[in-house]
Amino acid sequence: MTALLQIEALNVVYGSHHALKDLSLTANTGDLIGIIGPNGAGKTSFIKALCGRLEYNGRVLISGNDVKQGTDRRAHIGLVPQDIGLYPHLTALENLSLIARLLKVPKAQKMPAARNALEAVDMGSHANKRVAHLSGGMKRRINVAAAIMHSPDLIIFDEPTAGVDAPARDTVHRLARKLTQNGMAVLLITHELEQAEALCDKILVLNQGETLAFDTPAAILNRSFKGAREVVVRYAAPPSAQNLAAMKGFEFTQGELPTIWKTMTQASEVSFVSAFMTAIRGHHSGRNNDVIQEITVRRPGLNALMHRIENTGNLL
């Protein structure tokens, strides 16, 4: 494979705050790399440094070109932002024509490049429609078209699905994969962890500026959980004090809601559930909020990994 992006010992410092510490990675042609981490992990600093928007120490190479600080990187990088960066009163084609000028696309190539980019995201038939009259998913597609019409080597999706519905989210993720199939490399900064696990070739995990892992999702999860299973218990209502006492011995912690409780186990599914239900029956108070709606035993995913990082600061 061809190394399209090489980052060597990238450091970003704000005063006394070390926002990014010795980050190194390689992305090959066709790679889709997810970037995850808690708030303050260094994701935004990484993208700003890569785009040349802040000072850093280290080395960045794109398609073998050593991209020096202070140089214009627009020819190499396409950015799909979180927000819709379009003028609603203009048509899709008019928006791209204007953006092409900002990207320094030669005048003779401007309209062909805009039309080709719209075709690439399946929006060619909507070229002359005003953006204000398009759906959210269509606007997201045009946002992607704006990032690719100058044929960059590297595309950055900066939390492009924040606050959007599931169909629009799926559209953006399908486009990200399609771009890698066309020979580009894609960096995807996202909080959609289940999607990232299923979609990405590799995951970069950051926390407090440090690289915790850079590998395939499966390899990261195997190293972190070593064959353990995640158990999720859903109650009809927040559990009683008696049930909380019964769960204590299994090291449950509260999940996203007070009715959801999670733990990890190395035991088999049958033996864990049997032991857990025996303990619950011994403490059962007979109240409605003690009703268990569901018990799920599953392989831990990136959601479980993020929960661990937020609690411990590390993968183990």
C-alpha atoms as a PDB file:
ATOM      1  CA  MET A   1       0.000   0.000   0.000  1.00  0.00           C
ATOM      2  CA  THR A   2       1.013   3.635  -0.534  1.00  0.00           C
ATOM      3  CA  ALA A   3       1.565   5.786   2.562  1.00  0.00           C
ATOM      4  CA  LEU A   4      -0.637   8.797   1.919  1.00  0.00           C
ATOM      5  CA  LEU A   5      -0.343  10.495   5.328  1.00  0.00           C
ATOM      6  CA  GLN A   6       2.648  10.247   7.654  1.00  0.00           C
ATOM      7  CA  ILE A   7       2.729  12.059  10.979  1.00  0.00           C
ATOM      8  CA  GLU A   8       5.882  11.958  13.073  1.00  0.00           C
ATOM      9  CA  ALA A   9       6.105  13.094  16.730  1.00  0.00           C
ATOM     10  CA  LEU A  10       3.391  15.746  16.482  1.00  0.00           C
ATOM     11  CA  ASN A  11       3.227  17.993  19.560  1.00  0.00           C
ATOM     12  CA  VAL A  12       0.871  20.886  20.280  1.00  0.00           C
ATOM     13  CA  VAL A  13       1.403  23.132  23.309  1.00  0.00           C
ATOM     14  CA  TYR A  14      -0.806  25.974  24.531  1.00  0.00           C
ATOM     15  CA  GLY A  15       1.236  27.840  27.132  1.00  0.00           C
ATOM     16  CA  SER A  16       1.796  25.247  29.853  1.00  0.00           C
ATOM     17  CA  HIS A  17      -0.857  22.874  28.474  1.00  0.00           C
ATOM     18  CA  HIS A  18       0.442  19.983  26.357  1.00  0.00           C
ATOM     19  CA  ALA A  19      -2.598  19.378  24.112  1.00  0.00           C
ATOM     20  CA  LEU A  20      -0.952  16.733  21.906  1.00  0.00           C
ATOM     21  CA  LYS A  21       2.036  14.589  22.843  1.00  0.00           C
ATOM     22  CA  ASP A  22       4.269  12.836  20.298  1.00  0.00           C
ATOM     23  CA  LEU A  23       1.451  11.641  18.032  1.00  0.00           C
ATOM     24  CA  SER A  24       2.688   9.454  15.168  1.00  0.00           C
ATOM     25  CA  LEU A  25       0.652   7.510  12.607  1.00  0.00           C
ATOM     26  CA  THR A  26       0.564   6.399   8.994  1.00  0.00           C
ATOM     27  CA  ALA A  27      -2.542   6.297   6.814  1.00  0.00           C
ATOM     28  CA  ASN A  28      -2.400   4.439   3.513  1.00  0.00           C
ATOM     29  CA  THR A  29      -4.373   4.998   0.341  1.00  0.00           C
ATOM     30  CA  GLY A  30      -7.876   3.648   0.906  1.00  0.00           C
ATOM     31  CA  ASP A  31      -7.713   3.785   4.719  1.00  0.00           C
ATOM     32  CA  LEU A  32     -10.656   4.967   6.783  1.00  0.00           C
ATOM     33  CA  ILE A  33      -9.333   5.944  10.207  1.00  0.00           C
ATOM     34  CA  GLY A  34     -11.603   6.829  13.116  1.00  0.00           C
ATOM     35  CA  ILE A  35     -10.403   9.275  15.767  1.00  0.00           C
ATOM     36  CA  ILE A  36     -12.077   8.938  19.157  1.00  0.00           C
ATOM     37  CA  GLY A  37     -11.556  10.111  22.706  1.00  0.00           C
ATOM     38  CA  PRO A  38     -13.267  12.001  25.539  1.00  0.00           C
ATOM     39  CA  ASN A  39     -13.682  15.774  25.481  1.00  0.00           C
ATOM     40  CA  GLY A  40     -10.270  17.397  25.793  1.00  0.00           C
ATOM     41  CA  ALA A  41      -8.514  14.354  24.343  1.00  0.00           C
ATOM     42  CA  GLY A  42      -6.687  16.366  21.675  1.00  0.00           C
ATOM     43  CA  LYS A  43      -8.845  15.576  18.634  1.00  0.00           C
ATOM     44  CA  THR A  44      -9.465  19.205  17.672  1.00  0.00           C
ATOM     45  CA  SER A  45      -5.825  20.171  18.222  1.00  0.00           C
ATOM     46  CA  PHE A  46      -4.773  17.293  15.984  1.00  0.00           C
ATOM     47  CA  ILE A  47      -7.046  18.382  13.134  1.00  0.00           C
ATOM     48  CA  LYS A  48      -6.084  22.047  13.442  1.00  0.00           C
ATOM     49  CA  ALA A  49      -2.399  21.145  13.365  1.00  0.00           C
ATOM     50  CA  LEU A  50      -2.916  18.871  10.371  1.00  0.00           C
ATOM     51  CA  CYS A  51      -4.747  21.652   8.524  1.00  0.00           C
ATOM     52  CA  GLY A  52      -2.026  24.175   9.421  1.00  0.00           C
ATOM     53  CA  ARG A  53      -4.272  26.273  11.662  1.00  0.00           C
ATOM     54  CA  LEU A  54      -1.961  26.288  14.678  1.00  0.00           C
ATOM     55  CA  GLU A  55       1.718  25.924  15.455  1.00  0.00           C
ATOM     56  CA  TYR A  56       3.143  22.523  16.306  1.00  0.00           C
ATOM     57  CA  ASN A  57       6.354  20.580  16.570  1.00  0.00           C
ATOM     58  CA  GLY A  58       6.778  17.478  14.437  1.00  0.00           C
ATOM     59  CA  ARG A  59       6.521  16.461  10.818  1.00  0.00           C
ATOM     60  CA  VAL A  60       3.560  16.043   8.458  1.00  0.00           C
ATOM     61  CA  LEU A  61       3.899  14.366   5.055  1.00  0.00           C
ATOM     62  CA  ILE A  62       1.005  14.049   2.588  1.00  0.00           C
ATOM     63  CA  SER A  63       1.593  11.882  -0.488  1.00  0.00           C
ATOM     64  CA  GLY A  64       5.309  12.065   0.252  1.00  0.00           C
ATOM     65  CA  ASN A  65       5.334  15.875   0.382  1.00  0.00           C
ATOM     66  CA  ASP A  66       6.787  17.355   3.558  1.00  0.00           C
ATOM     67  CA  VAL A  67       4.108  19.938   4.373  1.00  0.00           C
ATOM     68  CA  LYS A  68       5.899  22.752   6.168  1.00  0.00           C
ATOM     69  CA  GLN A  69       4.235  25.050   8.668  1.00  0.00           C
ATOM     70  CA  GLY A  70       2.787  28.163   7.101  1.00  0.00           C
ATOM     71  CA  THR A  71       2.228  26.557   3.695  1.00  0.00           C
ATOM     72  CA  ASP A  72      -1.180  26.378   2.007  1.00  0.00           C
ATOM     73  CA  ARG A  73      -2.541  22.833   2.435  1.00  0.00           C
ATOM     74  CA  ARG A  74      -5.823  23.222   0.593  1.00  0.00           C
ATOM     75  CA  ALA A  75      -4.531  21.292  -2.420  1.00  0.00           C
ATOM     76  CA  HIS A  76      -3.845  18.258  -0.225  1.00  0.00           C
ATOM     77  CA  ILE A  77      -6.718  18.268   2.282  1.00  0.00           C
ATOM     78  CA  GLY A  78     -10.502  18.398   2.050  1.00  0.00           C
ATOM     79  CA  LEU A  79     -12.448  19.225   5.223  1.00  0.00           C
ATOM     80  CA  VAL A  80     -16.062  18.211   5.902  1.00  0.00           C
ATOM     81  CA  PRO A  81     -17.066  20.303   8.945  1.00  0.00           C
ATOM     82  CA  GLN A  82     -19.622  19.545  11.611  1.00  0.00           C
ATOM     83  CA  ASP A  83     -21.823  22.440  10.504  1.00  0.00           C
ATOM     84  CA  ILE A  84     -23.393  22.939   7.097  1.00  0.00           C
ATOM     85  CA  GLY A  85     -21.049  25.379   5.356  1.00  0.00           C
ATOM     86  CA  LEU A  86     -23.417  26.413   2.569  1.00  0.00           C
ATOM     87  CA  TYR A  87     -25.408  29.512   1.577  1.00  0.00           C
ATOM     88  CA  PRO A  88     -29.118  28.548   1.734  1.00  0.00           C
ATOM     89  CA  HIS A  89     -30.231  31.138  -0.857  1.00  0.00           C
ATOM     90  CA  LEU A  90     -27.844  29.733  -3.498  1.00  0.00           C
ATOM     91  CA  THR A  91     -28.227  26.541  -5.495  1.00  0.00           C
ATOM     92  CA  ALA A  92     -26.006  23.539  -4.868  1.00  0.00           C
ATOM     93  CA  LEU A  93     -24.008  24.318  -8.014  1.00  0.00           C
ATOM     94  CA  GLU A  94     -23.671  28.008  -7.141  1.00  0.00           C
ATOM     95  CA  ASN A  95     -22.375  27.097  -3.687  1.00  0.00           C
ATOM     96  CA  LEU A  96     -19.745  24.787  -5.105  1.00  0.00           C
ATOM     97  CA  SER A  97     -18.727  27.324  -7.732  1.00  0.00           C
ATOM     98  CA  LEU A  98     -18.097  29.872  -4.995  1.00  0.00           C
ATOM     99  CA  ILE A  99     -16.180  27.393  -2.830  1.00  0.00           C
ATOM    100  CA  ALA A 100     -14.111  26.298  -5.846  1.00  0.00           C
ATOM    101  CA  ARG A 101     -12.854  29.863  -6.116  1.00  0.00           C
ATOM    102  CA  LEU A 102     -11.759  29.780  -2.449  1.00  0.00           C
ATOM    103  CA  LEU A 103      -9.999  26.469  -3.116  1.00  0.00           C
ATOM    104  CA  LYS A 104      -8.159  28.074  -6.063  1.00  0.00           C
ATOM    105  CA  VAL A 105      -9.606  25.688  -8.640  1.00  0.00           C
ATOM    106  CA  PRO A 106      -8.628  27.110 -12.075  1.00  0.00           C
ATOM    107  CA  LYS A 107     -11.448  29.092 -13.672  1.00  0.00           C
ATOM    108  CA  ALA A 108     -11.807  26.777 -16.665  1.00  0.00           C
ATOM    109  CA  GLN A 109     -12.127  23.752 -14.356  1.00  0.00           C
ATOM    110  CA  LYS A 110     -14.427  25.301 -11.772  1.00  0.00           C
ATOM    111  CA  MET A 111     -17.831  24.301 -13.170  1.00  0.00           C
ATOM    112  CA  PRO A 112     -16.747  20.817 -14.356  1.00  0.00           C
ATOM    113  CA  ALA A 113     -15.195  20.154 -10.936  1.00  0.00           C
ATOM    114  CA  ALA A 114     -18.373  21.281  -9.169  1.00  0.00           C
ATOM    115  CA  ARG A 115     -20.610  19.123 -11.368  1.00  0.00           C
ATOM    116  CA  ASN A 116     -18.337  16.086 -11.012  1.00  0.00           C
ATOM    117  CA  ALA A 117     -18.309  16.457  -7.226  1.00  0.00           C
ATOM    118  CA  LEU A 118     -22.118  16.600  -7.115  1.00  0.00           C
ATOM    119  CA  GLU A 119     -22.305  13.470  -9.255  1.00  0.00           C
ATOM    120  CA  ALA A 120     -19.846  11.731  -6.928  1.00  0.00           C
ATOM    121  CA  VAL A 121     -22.205  12.228  -3.969  1.00  0.00           C
ATOM    122  CA  ASP A 122     -25.342  11.399  -6.015  1.00  0.00           C
ATOM    123  CA  MET A 123     -26.580  14.995  -6.056  1.00  0.00           C
ATOM    124  CA  GLY A 124     -26.185  15.757  -9.737  1.00  0.00           C
ATOM    125  CA  SER A 125     -29.945  15.899 -10.312  1.00  0.00           C
ATOM    126  CA  HIS A 126     -30.263  18.546  -7.569  1.00  0.00           C
ATOM    127  CA  ALA A 127     -27.524  20.856  -8.865  1.00  0.00           C
ATOM    128  CA  ASN A 128     -29.884  23.752  -9.632  1.00  0.00           C
ATOM    129  CA  LYS A 129     -32.003  23.531  -6.482  1.00  0.00           C
ATOM    130  CA  ARG A 130     -31.595  26.060  -3.701  1.00  0.00           C
ATOM    131  CA  VAL A 131     -29.946  24.598  -0.624  1.00  0.00           C
ATOM    132  CA  ALA A 132     -32.731  25.961   1.586  1.00  0.00           C
ATOM    133  CA  HIS A 133     -35.184  23.589  -0.151  1.00  0.00           C
ATOM    134  CA  LEU A 134     -33.080  20.448   0.367  1.00  0.00           C
ATOM    135  CA  SER A 135     -33.253  17.900   3.186  1.00  0.00           C
ATOM    136  CA  GLY A 136     -30.633  17.651   5.901  1.00  0.00           C
ATOM    137  CA  GLY A 137     -29.122  14.552   4.326  1.00  0.00           C
ATOM    138  CA  MET A 138     -28.838  16.273   0.946  1.00  0.00           C
ATOM    139  CA  LYS A 139     -27.092  19.257   2.526  1.00  0.00           C
ATOM    140  CA  ARG A 140     -24.616  16.879   4.142  1.00  0.00           C
ATOM    141  CA  ARG A 141     -23.883  15.363   0.730  1.00  0.00           C
ATOM    142  CA  ILE A 142     -23.185  18.791  -0.742  1.00  0.00           C
ATOM    143  CA  ASN A 143     -20.897  19.526   2.223  1.00  0.00           C
ATOM    144  CA  VAL A 144     -18.911  16.435   1.210  1.00  0.00           C
ATOM    145  CA  ALA A 145     -18.940  17.505  -2.456  1.00  0.00           C
ATOM    146  CA  ALA A 146     -17.431  20.847  -1.442  1.00  0.00           C
ATOM    147  CA  ALA A 147     -14.550  19.022   0.261  1.00  0.00           C
ATOM    148  CA  ILE A 148     -13.669  16.745  -2.656  1.00  0.00           C
ATOM    149  CA  MET A 149     -14.082  18.835  -5.811  1.00  0.00           C
ATOM    150  CA  HIS A 150     -10.407  19.889  -5.885  1.00  0.00           C
ATOM    151  CA  SER A 151      -9.386  16.180  -5.720  1.00  0.00           C
ATOM    152  CA  PRO A 152      -7.424  16.215  -2.444  1.00  0.00           C
ATOM    153  CA  ASP A 153      -5.529  13.160  -1.223  1.00  0.00           C
ATOM    154  CA  LEU A 154      -6.854  13.352   2.340  1.00  0.00           C
ATOM    155  CA  ILE A 155     -10.418  13.998   3.518  1.00  0.00           C
ATOM    156  CA  ILE A 156     -11.193  14.961   7.127  1.00  0.00           C
ATOM    157  CA  PHE A 157     -14.714  14.450   8.475  1.00  0.00           C
ATOM    158  CA  ASP A 158     -14.881  16.554  11.657  1.00  0.00           C
ATOM    159  CA  GLU A 159     -17.850  15.158  13.629  1.00  0.00           C
ATOM    160  CA  PRO A 160     -20.066  15.445  10.531  1.00  0.00           C
ATOM    161  CA  THR A 161     -23.011  13.554  12.061  1.00  0.00           C
ATOM    162  CA  ALA A 162     -23.409  15.516  15.300  1.00  0.00           C
ATOM    163  CA  GLY A 163     -27.083  16.338  15.817  1.00  0.00           C
ATOM    164  CA  VAL A 164     -28.334  14.680  12.630  1.00  0.00           C
ATOM    165  CA  ASP A 165     -30.886  11.905  12.221  1.00  0.00           C
ATOM    166  CA  ALA A 166     -29.975   8.287  11.485  1.00  0.00           C
ATOM    167  CA  PRO A 167     -30.569   8.400   7.686  1.00  0.00           C
ATOM    168  CA  ALA A 168     -28.350  11.479   7.279  1.00  0.00           C
ATOM    169  CA  ARG A 169     -25.700   9.894   9.506  1.00  0.00           C
ATOM    170  CA  ASP A 170     -25.705   6.699   7.442  1.00  0.00           C
ATOM    171  CA  THR A 171     -25.445   8.743   4.244  1.00  0.00           C
ATOM    172  CA  VAL A 172     -22.322  10.524   5.472  1.00  0.00           C
ATOM    173  CA  HIS A 173     -20.694   7.272   6.587  1.00  0.00           C
ATOM    174  CA  ARG A 174     -21.415   5.582   3.257  1.00  0.00           C
ATOM    175  CA  LEU A 175     -19.827   8.533   1.461  1.00  0.00           C
ATOM    176  CA  ALA A 176     -16.742   8.289   3.693  1.00  0.00           C
ATOM    177  CA  ARG A 177     -16.276   4.644   2.707  1.00  0.00           C
ATOM    178  CA  LYS A 178     -16.938   5.438  -0.968  1.00  0.00           C
ATOM    179  CA  LEU A 179     -14.139   8.022  -0.967  1.00  0.00           C
ATOM    180  CA  THR A 180     -11.619   5.469   0.299  1.00  0.00           C
ATOM    181  CA  GLN A 181     -12.646   3.159  -2.532  1.00  0.00           C
ATOM    182  CA  ASN A 182     -11.781   5.997  -4.917  1.00  0.00           C
ATOM    183  CA  GLY A 183      -8.207   6.083  -3.604  1.00  0.00           C
ATOM    184  CA  MET A 184      -8.396   8.746  -0.917  1.00  0.00           C
ATOM    185  CA  ALA A 185      -7.578   8.384   2.784  1.00  0.00           C
ATOM    186  CA  VAL A 186     -10.257   9.514   5.248  1.00  0.00           C
ATOM    187  CA  LEU A 187      -9.981  10.653   8.862  1.00  0.00           C
ATOM    188  CA  LEU A 188     -13.299  10.494  10.732  1.00  0.00           C
ATOM    189  CA  ILE A 189     -13.614  12.297  14.072  1.00  0.00           C
ATOM    190  CA  THR A 190     -16.775  10.934  15.648  1.00  0.00           C
ATOM    191  CA  HIS A 191     -18.765  10.170  18.786  1.00  0.00           C
ATOM    192  CA  GLU A 192     -20.760   7.521  16.893  1.00  0.00           C
ATOM    193  CA  LEU A 193     -18.733   4.691  18.376  1.00  0.00           C
ATOM    194  CA  GLU A 194     -20.773   1.735  17.126  1.00  0.00           C
ATOM    195  CA  GLN A 195     -20.589   3.140  13.601  1.00  0.00           C
ATOM    196  CA  ALA A 196     -16.844   3.748  13.913  1.00  0.00           C
ATOM    197  CA  GLU A 197     -16.253   0.183  15.077  1.00  0.00           C
ATOM    198  CA  ALA A 198     -18.131  -1.243  12.097  1.00  0.00           C
ATOM    199  CA  LEU A 199     -16.847   1.223   9.510  1.00  0.00           C
ATOM    200  CA  CYS A 200     -13.211   2.069  10.214  1.00  0.00           C
ATOM    201  CA  ASP A 201     -10.099   0.155   9.210  1.00  0.00           C
ATOM    202  CA  LYS A 202      -8.185   1.560  12.175  1.00  0.00           C
ATOM    203  CA  ILE A 203      -8.980   3.613  15.256  1.00  0.00           C
ATOM    204  CA  LEU A 204      -6.815   6.297  16.855  1.00  0.00           C
ATOM    205  CA  VAL A 205      -7.681   6.556  20.563  1.00  0.00           C
ATOM    206  CA  LEU A 206      -6.641   9.797  22.282  1.00  0.00           C
ATOM    207  CA  ASN A 207      -6.903  10.903  25.896  1.00  0.00           C
ATOM    208  CA  GLN A 208      -5.453  14.079  27.404  1.00  0.00           C
ATOM    209  CA  GLY A 209      -3.217  14.528  24.387  1.00  0.00           C
ATOM    210  CA  GLU A 210      -1.712  11.042  24.532  1.00  0.00           C
ATOM    211  CA  THR A 211      -2.129   8.226  22.012  1.00  0.00           C
ATOM    212  CA  LEU A 212      -3.629   5.256  23.852  1.00  0.00           C
ATOM    213  CA  ALA A 213      -3.941   3.062  20.764  1.00  0.00           C
ATOM    214  CA  PHE A 214      -3.743   3.056  16.981  1.00  0.00           C
ATOM    215  CA  ASP A 215      -4.852  -0.251  15.506  1.00  0.00           C
ATOM    216  CA  THR A 216      -7.855  -2.109  14.118  1.00  0.00           C
ATOM    217  CA  PRO A 217     -10.969  -1.966  16.320  1.00  0.00           C
ATOM    218  CA  ALA A 218     -10.814  -5.712  16.958  1.00  0.00           C
ATOM    219  CA  ALA A 219      -7.160  -5.620  18.033  1.00  0.00           C
ATOM    220  CA  ILE A 220      -7.724  -2.691  20.407  1.00  0.00           C
ATOM    221  CA  LEU A 221     -10.761  -4.325  22.018  1.00  0.00           C
ATOM    222  CA  ASN A 222      -9.041  -7.696  22.363  1.00  0.00           C
ATOM    223  CA  ARG A 223      -6.061  -6.124  24.117  1.00  0.00           C
ATOM    224  CA  SER A 224      -8.237  -4.023  26.388  1.00  0.00           C
ATOM    225  CA  PHE A 225     -10.798  -6.595  27.509  1.00  0.00           C
ATOM    226  CA  LYS A 226      -8.874  -9.878  27.101  1.00  0.00           C
ATOM    227  CA  GLY A 227     -11.942 -11.993  26.349  1.00  0.00           C
ATOM    228  CA  ALA A 228     -14.213 -10.461  28.992  1.00  0.00           C
ATOM    229  CA  ARG A 229     -17.913  -9.967  28.271  1.00  0.00           C
ATOM    230  CA  GLU A 230     -20.016  -6.925  29.014  1.00  0.00           C
ATOM    231  CA  VAL A 231     -23.252  -7.539  30.930  1.00  0.00           C
ATOM    232  CA  VAL A 232     -26.062  -4.987  30.624  1.00  0.00           C
ATOM    233  CA  VAL A 233     -29.123  -5.167  32.888  1.00  0.00           C
ATOM    234  CA  ARG A 234     -32.167  -3.028  32.112  1.00  0.00           C
ATOM    235  CA  TYR A 235     -34.760  -2.417  34.831  1.00  0.00           C
ATOM    236  CA  ALA A 236     -38.322  -1.175  34.398  1.00  0.00           C
ATOM    237  CA  ALA A 237     -37.450   1.646  36.807  1.00  0.00           C
ATOM    238  CA  PRO A 238     -34.376   2.552  38.882  1.00  0.00           C
ATOM    239  CA  PRO A 239     -33.609  -0.465  41.101  1.00  0.00           C
ATOM    240  CA  SER A 240     -34.405  -0.526  44.807  1.00  0.00           C
ATOM    241  CA  ALA A 241     -31.806  -0.400  47.560  1.00  0.00           C
ATOM    242  CA  GLN A 242     -32.149  -4.180  47.924  1.00  0.00           C
ATOM    243  CA  ASN A 243     -31.292  -4.799  44.282  1.00  0.00           C
ATOM    244  CA  LEU A 244     -28.449  -2.305  44.410  1.00  0.00           C
ATOM    245  CA  ALA A 245     -27.039  -4.307  47.315  1.00  0.00           C
ATOM    246  CA  ALA A 246     -27.333  -7.523  45.285  1.00  0.00           C
ATOM    247  CA  MET A 247     -25.566  -5.937  42.299  1.00  0.00           C
ATOM    248  CA  LYS A 248     -22.694  -4.612  44.397  1.00  0.00           C
ATOM    249  CA  GLY A 249     -21.006  -8.005  44.515  1.00  0.00           C
ATOM    250  CA  PHE A 250     -20.927  -8.108  40.701  1.00  0.00           C
ATOM    251  CA  GLU A 251     -19.313  -4.637  40.433  1.00  0.00           C
ATOM    252  CA  PHE A 252     -22.134  -3.080  38.418  1.00  0.00           C
ATOM    253  CA  THR A 253     -21.962   0.616  37.547  1.00  0.00           C
ATOM    254  CA  GLN A 254     -24.773   2.803  36.257  1.00  0.00           C
ATOM    255  CA  GLY A 255     -24.997   3.210  32.476  1.00  0.00           C
ATOM    256  CA  GLU A 256     -26.518   6.004  30.391  1.00  0.00           C
ATOM    257  CA  LEU A 257     -29.727   5.940  32.444  1.00  0.00           C
ATOM    258  CA  PRO A 258     -30.555   5.045  36.081  1.00  0.00           C
ATOM    259  CA  THR A 259     -32.398   1.972  34.754  1.00  0.00           C
ATOM    260  CA  ILE A 260     -29.309   0.626  32.922  1.00  0.00           C
ATOM    261  CA  TRP A 261     -26.472  -1.071  34.801  1.00  0.00           C
ATOM    262  CA  LYS A 262     -23.270  -2.579  33.383  1.00  0.00           C
ATOM    263  CA  THR A 263     -20.359  -4.768  34.436  1.00  0.00           C
ATOM    264  CA  MET A 264     -17.645  -6.995  32.985  1.00  0.00           C
ATOM    265  CA  THR A 265     -17.173 -10.718  33.552  1.00  0.00           C
ATOM    266  CA  GLN A 266     -14.841 -13.520  32.535  1.00  0.00           C
ATOM    267  CA  ALA A 267     -17.492 -16.083  33.491  1.00  0.00           C
ATOM    268  CA  SER A 268     -19.662 -17.850  30.927  1.00  0.00           C
ATOM    269  CA  GLU A 269     -23.016 -16.326  30.109  1.00  0.00           C
ATOM    270  CA  VAL A 270     -24.965 -19.145  31.787  1.00  0.00           C
ATOM    271  CA  SER A 271     -22.981 -19.153  35.017  1.00  0.00           C
ATOM    272  CA  PHE A 272     -22.997 -15.360  35.393  1.00  0.00           C
ATOM    273  CA  VAL A 273     -26.722 -14.953  34.752  1.00  0.00           C
ATOM    274  CA  SER A 274     -27.527 -17.853  37.086  1.00  0.00           C
ATOM    275  CA  ALA A 275     -25.440 -16.401  39.911  1.00  0.00           C
ATOM    276  CA  PHE A 276     -26.801 -12.909  39.347  1.00  0.00           C
ATOM    277  CA  MET A 277     -30.459 -13.975  39.342  1.00  0.00           C
ATOM    278  CA  THR A 278     -29.924 -16.042  42.495  1.00  0.00           C
ATOM    279  CA  ALA A 279     -28.522 -12.972  44.238  1.00  0.00           C
ATOM    280  CA  ILE A 280     -31.381 -10.792  42.994  1.00  0.00           C
ATOM    281  CA  ARG A 281     -34.033 -13.245  44.223  1.00  0.00           C
ATOM    282  CA  GLY A 282     -32.387 -13.285  47.652  1.00  0.00           C
ATOM    283  CA  HIS A 283     -32.726  -9.501  47.907  1.00  0.00           C
ATOM    284  CA  HIS A 284     -36.016  -9.080  46.020  1.00  0.00           C
ATOM    285  CA  SER A 285     -38.368  -6.603  47.696  1.00  0.00           C
ATOM    286  CA  GLY A 286     -41.421  -7.325  45.547  1.00  0.00           C
ATOM    287  CA  ARG A 287     -41.604  -3.750  44.242  1.00  0.00           C
ATOM    288  CA  ASN A 288     -42.352  -2.954  40.592  1.00  0.00           C
ATOM    289  CA  ASN A 289     -39.038  -1.202  40.102  1.00  0.00           C
ATOM    290  CA  ASP A 290     -37.266  -4.516  40.749  1.00  0.00           C
ATOM    291  CA  VAL A 291     -38.601  -5.903  37.451  1.00  0.00           C
ATOM    292  CA  ILE A 292     -35.733  -6.767  35.115  1.00  0.00           C
ATOM    293  CA  GLN A 293     -36.691  -6.170  31.500  1.00  0.00           C
ATOM    294  CA  GLU A 294     -33.546  -7.468  29.857  1.00  0.00           C
ATOM    295  CA  ILE A 295     -30.138  -8.996  30.542  1.00  0.00           C
ATOM    296  CA  THR A 296     -27.639  -8.800  27.691  1.00  0.00           C
ATOM    297  CA  VAL A 297     -24.219 -10.460  27.603  1.00  0.00           C
ATOM    298  CA  ARG A 298     -22.098  -9.229  24.711  1.00  0.00           C
ATOM    299  CA  ARG A 299     -18.579  -8.613  23.478  1.00  0.00           C
ATOM    300  CA  PRO A 300     -17.452  -5.155  24.653  1.00  0.00           C
ATOM    301  CA  GLY A 301     -17.341  -2.528  21.917  1.00  0.00           C
ATOM    302  CA  LEU A 302     -15.910   0.954  21.585  1.00  0.00           C
ATOM    303  CA  ASN A 303     -18.696   2.329  23.805  1.00  0.00           C
ATOM    304  CA  ALA A 304     -17.451   0.133  26.650  1.00  0.00           C
ATOM    305  CA  LEU A 305     -13.894   1.174  25.868  1.00  0.00           C
ATOM    306  CA  MET A 306     -14.781   4.857  26.051  1.00  0.00           C
ATOM    307  CA  HIS A 307     -16.561   4.304  29.357  1.00  0.00           C
ATOM    308  CA  ARG A 308     -13.396   2.692  30.718  1.00  0.00           C
ATOM    309  CA  ILE A 309     -11.206   5.570  29.498  1.00  0.00           C
ATOM    310  CA  GLU A 310     -13.485   8.146  31.101  1.00  0.00           C
ATOM    311  CA  ASN A 311     -13.343   6.237  34.416  1.00  0.00           C
ATOM    312  CA  THR A 312      -9.679   5.204  34.499  1.00  0.00           C
ATOM    313  CA  GLY A 313      -7.890   7.349  31.903  1.00  0.00           C
ATOM    314  CA  ASN A 314      -6.553   4.244  30.163  1.00  0.00           C
ATOM    315  CA  LEU A 315      -7.495   1.156  28.143  1.00  0.00           C
ATOM    316  CA  LEU A 316      -6.898  -1.466  30.861  1.00  0.00           C
END
